[in-house]
Amino acid sequence: LDGKMVQQLGYIEVPLEVNYAVLDKKLGVDLIGGVSSLFLVDNSVLLESNELVTEMGEANNINALNFSANVGMGLNYKFTPKVRFNIEPVLKYQLNTFSNVSGNFKPYSIGIYSGISFKF
């Protein structure tokens, strides 16, 4: 049977970031920098073949706690003084994710966060 091996990792992220407003008008620009603590909550290795999924165990070289350095840019648009739309592309470079790694694997993620902010 043909199949594939799948590794799943899940984290709870606790970020500590600073936003610096470069432009604070109707259209705003922010610089974002900071660090995050990542707590491992899901670590599983699965074998998938046709409709069958078998859990094989977990990876033994994943650190339960790791960190990331975060850098990004925020763009926002103020609809009113109390309502604003924002979009933030952020690069997160992970530190000490794995132990006993052969090779030069350096994990990172790129995210685009967006939302609407309301001030009360």
PDB file of N, CA and C in Angstrom:
ATOM      1  N   LEU A   1       0.831  -1.187   0.000  1.00  0.00           N
ATOM      2  CA  LEU A   1       0.000   0.000   0.000  1.00  0.00           C
ATOM      3  C   LEU A   1       0.874   1.248   0.000  1.00  0.00           C
ATOM      4  N   ASP A   2       0.460   2.251  -0.771  1.00  0.00           N
ATOM      5  CA  ASP A   2       1.139   3.540  -0.738  1.00  0.00           C
ATOM      6  C   ASP A   2       0.612   4.340   0.438  1.00  0.00           C
ATOM      7  N   GLY A   3       1.499   5.100   1.019  1.00  0.00           N
ATOM      8  CA  GLY A   3       1.089   5.926   2.148  1.00  0.00           C
ATOM      9  C   GLY A   3       2.051   7.075   2.342  1.00  0.00           C
ATOM     10  N   LYS A   4       1.743   7.875   3.338  1.00  0.00           N
ATOM     11  CA  LYS A   4       2.637   8.988   3.657  1.00  0.00           C
ATOM     12  C   LYS A   4       2.712   9.144   5.165  1.00  0.00           C
ATOM     13  N   MET A   5       3.877   9.572   5.620  1.00  0.00           N
ATOM     14  CA  MET A   5       4.098   9.834   7.024  1.00  0.00           C
ATOM     15  C   MET A   5       3.907  11.323   7.256  1.00  0.00           C
ATOM     16  N   VAL A   6       3.112  11.672   8.273  1.00  0.00           N
ATOM     17  CA  VAL A   6       2.752  13.056   8.568  1.00  0.00           C
ATOM     18  C   VAL A   6       3.123  13.362  10.011  1.00  0.00           C
ATOM     19  N   GLN A   7       3.787  14.493  10.191  1.00  0.00           N
ATOM     20  CA  GLN A   7       4.123  14.940  11.541  1.00  0.00           C
ATOM     21  C   GLN A   7       3.292  16.170  11.863  1.00  0.00           C
ATOM     22  N   GLN A   8       2.642  16.163  13.019  1.00  0.00           N
ATOM     23  CA  GLN A   8       1.827  17.289  13.452  1.00  0.00           C
ATOM     24  C   GLN A   8       2.438  17.881  14.713  1.00  0.00           C
ATOM     25  N   LEU A   9       2.610  19.198  14.692  1.00  0.00           N
ATOM     26  CA  LEU A   9       3.087  19.931  15.862  1.00  0.00           C
ATOM     27  C   LEU A   9       2.088  21.034  16.161  1.00  0.00           C
ATOM     28  N   GLY A  10       1.742  21.192  17.414  1.00  0.00           N
ATOM     29  CA  GLY A  10       0.837  22.262  17.819  1.00  0.00           C
ATOM     30  C   GLY A  10       1.416  23.005  19.006  1.00  0.00           C
ATOM     31  N   TYR A  11       1.277  24.324  18.994  1.00  0.00           N
ATOM     32  CA  TYR A  11       1.851  25.160  20.038  1.00  0.00           C
ATOM     33  C   TYR A  11       0.825  26.137  20.574  1.00  0.00           C
ATOM     34  N   ILE A  12       1.002  26.522  21.827  1.00  0.00           N
ATOM     35  CA  ILE A  12       0.346  27.698  22.380  1.00  0.00           C
ATOM     36  C   ILE A  12       1.415  28.775  22.394  1.00  0.00           C
ATOM     37  N   GLU A  13       1.119  29.905  21.752  1.00  0.00           N
ATOM     38  CA  GLU A  13       2.092  30.992  21.625  1.00  0.00           C
ATOM     39  C   GLU A  13       1.736  32.124  22.575  1.00  0.00           C
ATOM     40  N   VAL A  14       2.736  32.599  23.307  1.00  0.00           N
ATOM     41  CA  VAL A  14       2.576  33.752  24.182  1.00  0.00           C
ATOM     42  C   VAL A  14       3.522  34.838  23.670  1.00  0.00           C
ATOM     43  N   PRO A  15       2.984  35.817  22.906  1.00  0.00           N
ATOM     44  CA  PRO A  15       3.850  36.843  22.316  1.00  0.00           C
ATOM     45  C   PRO A  15       4.064  38.040  23.249  1.00  0.00           C
ATOM     46  N   LEU A  16       5.208  38.670  23.083  1.00  0.00           N
ATOM     47  CA  LEU A  16       5.510  39.948  23.721  1.00  0.00           C
ATOM     48  C   LEU A  16       6.069  40.827  22.614  1.00  0.00           C
ATOM     49  N   GLU A  17       5.247  41.765  22.145  1.00  0.00           N
ATOM     50  CA  GLU A  17       5.624  42.565  20.981  1.00  0.00           C
ATOM     51  C   GLU A  17       5.447  44.046  21.268  1.00  0.00           C
ATOM     52  N   VAL A  18       6.216  44.846  20.548  1.00  0.00           N
ATOM     53  CA  VAL A  18       6.147  46.294  20.645  1.00  0.00           C
ATOM     54  C   VAL A  18       5.811  46.834  19.259  1.00  0.00           C
ATOM     55  N   ASN A  19       4.844  47.734  19.198  1.00  0.00           N
ATOM     56  CA  ASN A  19       4.489  48.417  17.951  1.00  0.00           C
ATOM     57  C   ASN A  19       4.972  49.859  18.040  1.00  0.00           C
ATOM     58  N   TYR A  20       5.655  50.312  17.007  1.00  0.00           N
ATOM     59  CA  TYR A  20       6.109  51.694  16.925  1.00  0.00           C
ATOM     60  C   TYR A  20       5.400  52.343  15.744  1.00  0.00           C
ATOM     61  N   ALA A  21       4.640  53.396  16.009  1.00  0.00           N
ATOM     62  CA  ALA A  21       3.874  54.080  14.963  1.00  0.00           C
ATOM     63  C   ALA A  21       4.810  54.982  14.158  1.00  0.00           C
ATOM     64  N   VAL A  22       5.056  54.626  12.908  1.00  0.00           N
ATOM     65  CA  VAL A  22       5.862  55.442  12.000  1.00  0.00           C
ATOM     66  C   VAL A  22       5.006  56.548  11.418  1.00  0.00           C
ATOM     67  N   LEU A  23       3.764  56.219  11.074  1.00  0.00           N
ATOM     68  CA  LEU A  23       2.815  57.181  10.516  1.00  0.00           C
ATOM     69  C   LEU A  23       1.489  56.961  11.226  1.00  0.00           C
ATOM     70  N   ASP A  24       0.963  58.014  11.849  1.00  0.00           N
ATOM     71  CA  ASP A  24      -0.273  57.889  12.624  1.00  0.00           C
ATOM     72  C   ASP A  24      -1.303  58.887  12.113  1.00  0.00           C
ATOM     73  N   LYS A  25      -1.762  58.647  10.907  1.00  0.00           N
ATOM     74  CA  LYS A  25      -2.795  59.486  10.271  1.00  0.00           C
ATOM     75  C   LYS A  25      -4.011  58.601  10.009  1.00  0.00           C
ATOM     76  N   LYS A  26      -4.825  58.980   9.043  1.00  0.00           N
ATOM     77  CA  LYS A  26      -5.955  58.125   8.659  1.00  0.00           C
ATOM     78  C   LYS A  26      -5.449  56.774   8.169  1.00  0.00           C
ATOM     79  N   LEU A  27      -4.343  56.804   7.407  1.00  0.00           N
ATOM     80  CA  LEU A  27      -3.641  55.587   7.021  1.00  0.00           C
ATOM     81  C   LEU A  27      -2.378  55.522   7.876  1.00  0.00           C
ATOM     82  N   GLY A  28      -2.229  54.462   8.654  1.00  0.00           N
ATOM     83  CA  GLY A  28      -1.112  54.359   9.575  1.00  0.00           C
ATOM     84  C   GLY A  28      -0.155  53.238   9.213  1.00  0.00           C
ATOM     85  N   VAL A  29       1.108  53.407   9.627  1.00  0.00           N
ATOM     86  CA  VAL A  29       2.143  52.400   9.413  1.00  0.00           C
ATOM     87  C   VAL A  29       2.856  52.185  10.746  1.00  0.00           C
ATOM     88  N   ASP A  30       2.982  50.922  11.154  1.00  0.00           N
ATOM     89  CA  ASP A  30       3.672  50.557  12.399  1.00  0.00           C
ATOM     90  C   ASP A  30       4.806  49.598  12.091  1.00  0.00           C
ATOM     91  N   LEU A  31       5.849  49.664  12.900  1.00  0.00           N
ATOM     92  CA  LEU A  31       6.888  48.638  12.896  1.00  0.00           C
ATOM     93  C   LEU A  31       6.642  47.749  14.106  1.00  0.00           C
ATOM     94  N   ILE A  32       6.791  46.436  13.917  1.00  0.00           N
ATOM     95  CA  ILE A  32       6.488  45.474  14.965  1.00  0.00           C
ATOM     96  C   ILE A  32       7.738  44.646  15.241  1.00  0.00           C
ATOM     97  N   GLY A  33       8.049  44.465  16.504  1.00  0.00           N
ATOM     98  CA  GLY A  33       9.177  43.626  16.889  1.00  0.00           C
ATOM     99  C   GLY A  33       8.892  42.992  18.229  1.00  0.00           C
ATOM    100  N   GLY A  34       9.485  41.815  18.466  1.00  0.00           N
ATOM    101  CA  GLY A  34       9.275  41.170  19.748  1.00  0.00           C
ATOM    102  C   GLY A  34       9.726  39.726  19.752  1.00  0.00           C
ATOM    103  N   VAL A  35       9.309  39.031  20.785  1.00  0.00           N
ATOM    104  CA  VAL A  35       9.630  37.613  20.957  1.00  0.00           C
ATOM    105  C   VAL A  35       8.357  36.878  21.373  1.00  0.00           C
ATOM    106  N   SER A  36       8.351  35.570  21.151  1.00  0.00           N
ATOM    107  CA  SER A  36       7.243  34.726  21.589  1.00  0.00           C
ATOM    108  C   SER A  36       7.790  33.499  22.282  1.00  0.00           C
ATOM    109  N   SER A  37       7.064  33.060  23.301  1.00  0.00           N
ATOM    110  CA  SER A  37       7.319  31.760  23.916  1.00  0.00           C
ATOM    111  C   SER A  37       6.326  30.790  23.308  1.00  0.00           C
ATOM    112  N   LEU A  38       6.800  29.620  22.893  1.00  0.00           N
ATOM    113  CA  LEU A  38       5.939  28.614  22.270  1.00  0.00           C
ATOM    114  C   LEU A  38       5.959  27.349  23.125  1.00  0.00           C
ATOM    115  N   PHE A  39       4.778  26.944  23.586  1.00  0.00           N
ATOM    116  CA  PHE A  39       4.634  25.766  24.437  1.00  0.00           C
ATOM    117  C   PHE A  39       4.029  24.639  23.603  1.00  0.00           C
ATOM    118  N   LEU A  40       4.731  23.519  23.508  1.00  0.00           N
ATOM    119  CA  LEU A  40       4.294  22.381  22.697  1.00  0.00           C
ATOM    120  C   LEU A  40       3.085  21.707  23.336  1.00  0.00           C
ATOM    121  N   VAL A  41       1.987  21.565  22.573  1.00  0.00           N
ATOM    122  CA  VAL A  41       0.780  20.905  23.070  1.00  0.00           C
ATOM    123  C   VAL A  41       0.366  19.715  22.196  1.00  0.00           C
ATOM    124  N   ASP A  42       0.918  19.605  20.992  1.00  0.00           N
ATOM    125  CA  ASP A  42       0.594  18.478  20.108  1.00  0.00           C
ATOM    126  C   ASP A  42       1.862  18.044  19.389  1.00  0.00           C
ATOM    127  N   ASN A  43       2.206  16.775  19.535  1.00  0.00           N
ATOM    128  CA  ASN A  43       3.380  16.206  18.894  1.00  0.00           C
ATOM    129  C   ASN A  43       3.008  14.784  18.490  1.00  0.00           C
ATOM    130  N   SER A  44       2.697  14.581  17.229  1.00  0.00           N
ATOM    131  CA  SER A  44       2.308  13.239  16.799  1.00  0.00           C
ATOM    132  C   SER A  44       2.851  12.950  15.399  1.00  0.00           C
ATOM    133  N   VAL A  45       3.147  11.684  15.187  1.00  0.00           N
ATOM    134  CA  VAL A  45       3.574  11.194  13.878  1.00  0.00           C
ATOM    135  C   VAL A  45       2.529  10.183  13.434  1.00  0.00           C
ATOM    136  N   LEU A  46       1.969  10.401  12.240  1.00  0.00           N
ATOM    137  CA  LEU A  46       0.890   9.561  11.727  1.00  0.00           C
ATOM    138  C   LEU A  46       1.299   8.920  10.414  1.00  0.00           C
ATOM    139  N   LEU A  47       0.761   7.743  10.149  1.00  0.00           N
ATOM    140  CA  LEU A  47       0.918   7.079   8.866  1.00  0.00           C
ATOM    141  C   LEU A  47      -0.456   7.063   8.209  1.00  0.00           C
ATOM    142  N   GLU A  48      -0.552   7.707   7.035  1.00  0.00           N
ATOM    143  CA  GLU A  48      -1.820   7.793   6.304  1.00  0.00           C
ATOM    144  C   GLU A  48      -1.722   6.975   5.035  1.00  0.00           C
ATOM    145  N   SER A  49      -2.682   6.062   4.855  1.00  0.00           N
ATOM    146  CA  SER A  49      -2.746   5.232   3.665  1.00  0.00           C
ATOM    147  C   SER A  49      -4.209   5.013   3.311  1.00  0.00           C
ATOM    148  N   ASN A  50      -4.610   5.474   2.133  1.00  0.00           N
ATOM    149  CA  ASN A  50      -6.016   5.417   1.706  1.00  0.00           C
ATOM    150  C   ASN A  50      -6.891   6.056   2.779  1.00  0.00           C
ATOM    151  N   GLU A  51      -7.807   5.346   3.355  1.00  0.00           N
ATOM    152  CA  GLU A  51      -8.697   5.875   4.386  1.00  0.00           C
ATOM    153  C   GLU A  51      -8.199   5.553   5.794  1.00  0.00           C
ATOM    154  N   LEU A  52      -7.059   4.886   5.896  1.00  0.00           N
ATOM    155  CA  LEU A  52      -6.542   4.437   7.179  1.00  0.00           C
ATOM    156  C   LEU A  52      -5.513   5.421   7.727  1.00  0.00           C
ATOM    157  N   VAL A  53      -5.676   5.818   8.983  1.00  0.00           N
ATOM    158  CA  VAL A  53      -4.711   6.685   9.663  1.00  0.00           C
ATOM    159  C   VAL A  53      -4.263   5.968  10.929  1.00  0.00           C
ATOM    160  N   THR A  54      -2.953   5.747  11.047  1.00  0.00           N
ATOM    161  CA  THR A  54      -2.396   5.048  12.195  1.00  0.00           C
ATOM    162  C   THR A  54      -1.414   5.964  12.911  1.00  0.00           C
ATOM    163  N   GLU A  55      -1.606   6.154  14.214  1.00  0.00           N
ATOM    164  CA  GLU A  55      -0.672   6.974  14.983  1.00  0.00           C
ATOM    165  C   GLU A  55       0.548   6.131  15.307  1.00  0.00           C
ATOM    166  N   MET A  56       1.720   6.621  14.915  1.00  0.00           N
ATOM    167  CA  MET A  56       2.969   5.881  15.079  1.00  0.00           C
ATOM    168  C   MET A  56       3.704   6.265  16.357  1.00  0.00           C
ATOM    169  N   GLY A  57       3.360   7.402  16.936  1.00  0.00           N
ATOM    170  CA  GLY A  57       4.050   7.867  18.144  1.00  0.00           C
ATOM    171  C   GLY A  57       4.287   9.362  18.043  1.00  0.00           C
ATOM    172  N   GLU A  58       5.435   9.796  18.546  1.00  0.00           N
ATOM    173  CA  GLU A  58       5.762  11.215  18.505  1.00  0.00           C
ATOM    174  C   GLU A  58       7.243  11.396  18.236  1.00  0.00           C
ATOM    175  N   ALA A  59       7.594  12.592  17.775  1.00  0.00           N
ATOM    176  CA  ALA A  59       8.992  12.922  17.519  1.00  0.00           C
ATOM    177  C   ALA A  59       9.691  13.125  18.865  1.00  0.00           C
ATOM    178  N   ASN A  60      10.927  12.647  18.966  1.00  0.00           N
ATOM    179  CA  ASN A  60      11.641  12.753  20.241  1.00  0.00           C
ATOM    180  C   ASN A  60      12.706  13.854  20.235  1.00  0.00           C
ATOM    181  N   ASN A  61      12.754  14.671  19.186  1.00  0.00           N
ATOM    182  CA  ASN A  61      13.741  15.750  19.140  1.00  0.00           C
ATOM    183  C   ASN A  61      13.099  17.138  19.140  1.00  0.00           C
ATOM    184  N   ILE A  62      11.869  17.249  19.626  1.00  0.00           N
ATOM    185  CA  ILE A  62      11.152  18.522  19.691  1.00  0.00           C
ATOM    186  C   ILE A  62      11.215  19.038  21.130  1.00  0.00           C
ATOM    187  N   ASN A  63      11.691  20.255  21.310  1.00  0.00           N
ATOM    188  CA  ASN A  63      11.734  20.850  22.643  1.00  0.00           C
ATOM    189  C   ASN A  63      10.334  21.285  23.069  1.00  0.00           C
ATOM    190  N   ALA A  64       9.985  21.034  24.321  1.00  0.00           N
ATOM    191  CA  ALA A  64       8.657  21.373  24.838  1.00  0.00           C
ATOM    192  C   ALA A  64       8.449  22.880  24.930  1.00  0.00           C
ATOM    193  N   LEU A  65       9.528  23.634  25.056  1.00  0.00           N
ATOM    194  CA  LEU A  65       9.472  25.090  25.100  1.00  0.00           C
ATOM    195  C   LEU A  65      10.493  25.638  24.123  1.00  0.00           C
ATOM    196  N   ASN A  66      10.060  26.518  23.238  1.00  0.00           N
ATOM    197  CA  ASN A  66      11.001  27.205  22.364  1.00  0.00           C
ATOM    198  C   ASN A  66      10.553  28.647  22.191  1.00  0.00           C
ATOM    199  N   PHE A  67      11.353  29.413  21.488  1.00  0.00           N
ATOM    200  CA  PHE A  67      11.120  30.842  21.357  1.00  0.00           C
ATOM    201  C   PHE A  67      11.181  31.244  19.896  1.00  0.00           C
ATOM    202  N   SER A  68      10.616  32.397  19.585  1.00  0.00           N
ATOM    203  CA  SER A  68      10.744  32.943  18.241  1.00  0.00           C
ATOM    204  C   SER A  68      11.014  34.437  18.333  1.00  0.00           C
ATOM    205  N   ALA A  69      11.782  34.923  17.363  1.00  0.00           N
ATOM    206  CA  ALA A  69      12.004  36.361  17.198  1.00  0.00           C
ATOM    207  C   ALA A  69      11.021  36.832  16.131  1.00  0.00           C
ATOM    208  N   ASN A  70      10.280  37.881  16.425  1.00  0.00           N
ATOM    209  CA  ASN A  70       9.208  38.339  15.546  1.00  0.00           C
ATOM    210  C   ASN A  70       9.514  39.736  15.016  1.00  0.00           C
ATOM    211  N   VAL A  71       9.312  39.917  13.716  1.00  0.00           N
ATOM    212  CA  VAL A  71       9.479  41.239  13.117  1.00  0.00           C
ATOM    213  C   VAL A  71       8.428  41.393  12.015  1.00  0.00           C
ATOM    214  N   GLY A  72       7.856  42.582  11.924  1.00  0.00           N
ATOM    215  CA  GLY A  72       6.823  42.787  10.918  1.00  0.00           C
ATOM    216  C   GLY A  72       6.489  44.256  10.736  1.00  0.00           C
ATOM    217  N   MET A  73       5.459  44.474   9.952  1.00  0.00           N
ATOM    218  CA  MET A  73       4.999  45.817   9.647  1.00  0.00           C
ATOM    219  C   MET A  73       3.473  45.818   9.703  1.00  0.00           C
ATOM    220  N   GLY A  74       2.919  46.842  10.309  1.00  0.00           N
ATOM    221  CA  GLY A  74       1.472  46.946  10.393  1.00  0.00           C
ATOM    222  C   GLY A  74       0.959  48.089   9.543  1.00  0.00           C
ATOM    223  N   LEU A  75      -0.094  47.835   8.823  1.00  0.00           N
ATOM    224  CA  LEU A  75      -0.792  48.861   8.057  1.00  0.00           C
ATOM    225  C   LEU A  75      -2.198  48.955   8.615  1.00  0.00           C
ATOM    226  N   ASN A  76      -2.659  50.177   8.872  1.00  0.00           N
ATOM    227  CA  ASN A  76      -4.011  50.316   9.394  1.00  0.00           C
ATOM    228  C   ASN A  76      -4.714  51.506   8.758  1.00  0.00           C
ATOM    229  N   TYR A  77      -6.024  51.418   8.768  1.00  0.00           N
ATOM    230  CA  TYR A  77      -6.859  52.479   8.202  1.00  0.00           C
ATOM    231  C   TYR A  77      -7.914  52.830   9.245  1.00  0.00           C
ATOM    232  N   LYS A  78      -7.966  54.107   9.632  1.00  0.00           N
ATOM    233  CA  LYS A  78      -8.936  54.563  10.629  1.00  0.00           C
ATOM    234  C   LYS A  78     -10.228  54.983   9.942  1.00  0.00           C
ATOM    235  N   PHE A  79     -11.289  54.215  10.176  1.00  0.00           N
ATOM    236  CA  PHE A  79     -12.606  54.591   9.665  1.00  0.00           C
ATOM    237  C   PHE A  79     -13.152  55.762  10.479  1.00  0.00           C
ATOM    238  N   THR A  80     -13.010  55.662  11.792  1.00  0.00           N
ATOM    239  CA  THR A  80     -13.375  56.724  12.731  1.00  0.00           C
ATOM    240  C   THR A  80     -12.267  56.744  13.785  1.00  0.00           C
ATOM    241  N   PRO A  81     -12.267  57.725  14.697  1.00  0.00           N
ATOM    242  CA  PRO A  81     -11.252  57.707  15.754  1.00  0.00           C
ATOM    243  C   PRO A  81     -11.310  56.464  16.640  1.00  0.00           C
ATOM    244  N   LYS A  82     -12.455  55.763  16.654  1.00  0.00           N
ATOM    245  CA  LYS A  82     -12.597  54.583  17.508  1.00  0.00           C
ATOM    246  C   LYS A  82     -12.606  53.255  16.753  1.00  0.00           C
ATOM    247  N   VAL A  83     -12.691  53.274  15.435  1.00  0.00           N
ATOM    248  CA  VAL A  83     -12.751  52.037  14.642  1.00  0.00           C
ATOM    249  C   VAL A  83     -11.630  52.051  13.612  1.00  0.00           C
ATOM    250  N   ARG A  84     -10.863  50.962  13.594  1.00  0.00           N
ATOM    251  CA  ARG A  84      -9.724  50.900  12.677  1.00  0.00           C
ATOM    252  C   ARG A  84      -9.550  49.474  12.154  1.00  0.00           C
ATOM    253  N   PHE A  85      -9.196  49.357  10.878  1.00  0.00           N
ATOM    254  CA  PHE A  85      -8.883  48.077  10.238  1.00  0.00           C
ATOM    255  C   PHE A  85      -7.370  47.954  10.143  1.00  0.00           C
ATOM    256  N   ASN A  86      -6.827  46.782  10.473  1.00  0.00           N
ATOM    257  CA  ASN A  86      -5.383  46.615  10.376  1.00  0.00           C
ATOM    258  C   ASN A  86      -5.017  45.297   9.692  1.00  0.00           C
ATOM    259  N   ILE A  87      -3.862  45.315   9.043  1.00  0.00           N
ATOM    260  CA  ILE A  87      -3.284  44.125   8.422  1.00  0.00           C
ATOM    261  C   ILE A  87      -1.786  44.148   8.729  1.00  0.00           C
ATOM    262  N   GLU A  88      -1.256  43.008   9.196  1.00  0.00           N
ATOM    263  CA  GLU A  88       0.125  42.957   9.673  1.00  0.00           C
ATOM    264  C   GLU A  88       0.846  41.711   9.151  1.00  0.00           C
ATOM    265  N   PRO A  89       1.706  41.852   8.142  1.00  0.00           N
ATOM    266  CA  PRO A  89       2.566  40.731   7.766  1.00  0.00           C
ATOM    267  C   PRO A  89       3.722  40.616   8.774  1.00  0.00           C
ATOM    268  N   VAL A  90       3.950  39.408   9.320  1.00  0.00           N
ATOM    269  CA  VAL A  90       4.949  39.194  10.362  1.00  0.00           C
ATOM    270  C   VAL A  90       5.782  37.955  10.036  1.00  0.00           C
ATOM    271  N   LEU A  91       7.107  38.075  10.194  1.00  0.00           N
ATOM    272  CA  LEU A  91       8.040  36.959  10.067  1.00  0.00           C
ATOM    273  C   LEU A  91       8.421  36.511  11.466  1.00  0.00           C
ATOM    274  N   LYS A  92       8.307  35.198  11.727  1.00  0.00           N
ATOM    275  CA  LYS A  92       8.678  34.630  13.022  1.00  0.00           C
ATOM    276  C   LYS A  92       9.761  33.585  12.794  1.00  0.00           C
ATOM    277  N   TYR A  93      10.950  33.860  13.306  1.00  0.00           N
ATOM    278  CA  TYR A  93      12.104  32.981  13.171  1.00  0.00           C
ATOM    279  C   TYR A  93      12.249  32.204  14.470  1.00  0.00           C
ATOM    280  N   GLN A  94      12.083  30.882  14.398  1.00  0.00           N
ATOM    281  CA  GLN A  94      12.063  30.072  15.609  1.00  0.00           C
ATOM    282  C   GLN A  94      13.470  29.722  16.079  1.00  0.00           C
ATOM    283  N   LEU A  95      13.625  29.768  17.386  1.00  0.00           N
ATOM    284  CA  LEU A  95      14.899  29.471  18.038  1.00  0.00           C
ATOM    285  C   LEU A  95      14.740  28.221  18.901  1.00  0.00           C
ATOM    286  N   ASN A  96      15.714  27.389  18.953  1.00  0.00           N
ATOM    287  CA  ASN A  96      15.799  26.146  19.741  1.00  0.00           C
ATOM    288  C   ASN A  96      14.542  25.269  19.671  1.00  0.00           C
ATOM    289  N   THR A  97      13.992  25.123  18.480  1.00  0.00           N
ATOM    290  CA  THR A  97      12.808  24.274  18.301  1.00  0.00           C
ATOM    291  C   THR A  97      13.162  22.794  18.451  1.00  0.00           C
ATOM    292  N   PHE A  98      14.288  22.401  17.850  1.00  0.00           N
ATOM    293  CA  PHE A  98      14.681  20.994  17.825  1.00  0.00           C
ATOM    294  C   PHE A  98      15.966  20.766  18.601  1.00  0.00           C
ATOM    295  N   SER A  99      16.122  19.551  19.117  1.00  0.00           N
ATOM    296  CA  SER A  99      17.386  19.129  19.712  1.00  0.00           C
ATOM    297  C   SER A  99      17.919  17.967  18.877  1.00  0.00           C
ATOM    298  N   ASN A 100      19.210  17.797  18.846  1.00  0.00           N
ATOM    299  CA  ASN A 100      19.849  16.701  18.095  1.00  0.00           C
ATOM    300  C   ASN A 100      19.449  16.690  16.626  1.00  0.00           C
ATOM    301  N   VAL A 101      19.642  17.822  15.962  1.00  0.00           N
ATOM    302  CA  VAL A 101      19.277  17.940  14.547  1.00  0.00           C
ATOM    303  C   VAL A 101      20.526  17.773  13.697  1.00  0.00           C
ATOM    304  N   SER A 102      20.426  16.927  12.692  1.00  0.00           N
ATOM    305  CA  SER A 102      21.513  16.843  11.722  1.00  0.00           C
ATOM    306  C   SER A 102      21.158  17.759  10.558  1.00  0.00           C
ATOM    307  N   GLY A 103      22.099  18.526  10.118  1.00  0.00           N
ATOM    308  CA  GLY A 103      21.832  19.466   9.036  1.00  0.00           C
ATOM    309  C   GLY A 103      21.664  20.870   9.565  1.00  0.00           C
ATOM    310  N   ASN A 104      21.186  21.740   8.699  1.00  0.00           N
ATOM    311  CA  ASN A 104      21.096  23.161   9.017  1.00  0.00           C
ATOM    312  C   ASN A 104      19.662  23.652   8.864  1.00  0.00           C
ATOM    313  N   PHE A 105      18.706  22.973   9.478  1.00  0.00           N
ATOM    314  CA  PHE A 105      17.287  23.317   9.362  1.00  0.00           C
ATOM    315  C   PHE A 105      16.938  24.418  10.349  1.00  0.00           C
ATOM    316  N   LYS A 106      16.459  25.545   9.857  1.00  0.00           N
ATOM    317  CA  LYS A 106      16.068  26.695  10.680  1.00  0.00           C
ATOM    318  C   LYS A 106      14.612  27.047  10.388  1.00  0.00           C
ATOM    319  N   PRO A 107      13.672  26.617  11.239  1.00  0.00           N
ATOM    320  CA  PRO A 107      12.256  26.867  10.948  1.00  0.00           C
ATOM    321  C   PRO A 107      11.865  28.332  11.122  1.00  0.00           C
ATOM    322  N   TYR A 108      10.933  28.758  10.291  1.00  0.00           N
ATOM    323  CA  TYR A 108      10.370  30.098  10.372  1.00  0.00           C
ATOM    324  C   TYR A 108       8.937  30.029   9.868  1.00  0.00           C
ATOM    325  N   SER A 109       8.192  31.061  10.176  1.00  0.00           N
ATOM    326  CA  SER A 109       6.829  31.151   9.647  1.00  0.00           C
ATOM    327  C   SER A 109       6.546  32.588   9.258  1.00  0.00           C
ATOM    328  N   ILE A 110       5.698  32.738   8.278  1.00  0.00           N
ATOM    329  CA  ILE A 110       5.248  34.046   7.829  1.00  0.00           C
ATOM    330  C   ILE A 110       3.734  34.063   7.984  1.00  0.00           C
ATOM    331  N   GLY A 111       3.252  35.046   8.687  1.00  0.00           N
ATOM    332  CA  GLY A 111       1.817  35.159   8.907  1.00  0.00           C
ATOM    333  C   GLY A 111       1.318  36.528   8.516  1.00  0.00           C
ATOM    334  N   ILE A 112       0.081  36.586   8.132  1.00  0.00           N
ATOM    335  CA  ILE A 112      -0.567  37.862   7.850  1.00  0.00           C
ATOM    336  C   ILE A 112      -1.779  37.935   8.776  1.00  0.00           C
ATOM    337  N   TYR A 113      -1.684  38.825   9.732  1.00  0.00           N
ATOM    338  CA  TYR A 113      -2.736  38.996  10.717  1.00  0.00           C
ATOM    339  C   TYR A 113      -3.579  40.203  10.331  1.00  0.00           C
ATOM    340  N   SER A 114      -4.879  40.096  10.530  1.00  0.00           N
ATOM    341  CA  SER A 114      -5.751  41.209  10.183  1.00  0.00           C
ATOM    342  C   SER A 114      -6.914  41.253  11.170  1.00  0.00           C
ATOM    343  N   GLY A 115      -7.548  42.403  11.210  1.00  0.00           N
ATOM    344  CA  GLY A 115      -8.685  42.537  12.091  1.00  0.00           C
ATOM    345  C   GLY A 115      -9.216  43.947  12.138  1.00  0.00           C
ATOM    346  N   ILE A 116     -10.242  44.108  12.934  1.00  0.00           N
ATOM    347  CA  ILE A 116     -10.849  45.414  13.163  1.00  0.00           C
ATOM    348  C   ILE A 116     -10.741  45.698  14.655  1.00  0.00           C
ATOM    349  N   SER A 117     -10.253  46.904  14.985  1.00  0.00           N
ATOM    350  CA  SER A 117     -10.095  47.311  16.380  1.00  0.00           C
ATOM    351  C   SER A 117     -11.169  48.326  16.748  1.00  0.00           C
ATOM    352  N   PHE A 118     -11.725  48.149  17.935  1.00  0.00           N
ATOM    353  CA  PHE A 118     -12.706  49.078  18.473  1.00  0.00           C
ATOM    354  C   PHE A 118     -12.164  49.647  19.774  1.00  0.00           C
ATOM    355  N   LYS A 119     -12.194  50.966  19.936  1.00  0.00           N
ATOM    356  CA  LYS A 119     -11.805  51.601  21.191  1.00  0.00           C
ATOM    357  C   LYS A 119     -13.065  52.028  21.910  1.00  0.00           C
ATOM    358  N   PHE A 120     -13.122  51.745  23.204  1.00  0.00           N
ATOM    359  CA  PHE A 120     -14.293  52.109  24.004  1.00  0.00           C
ATOM    360  C   PHE A 120     -14.003  53.343  24.817  1.00  0.00           C
TER     361      PHE A 120
END
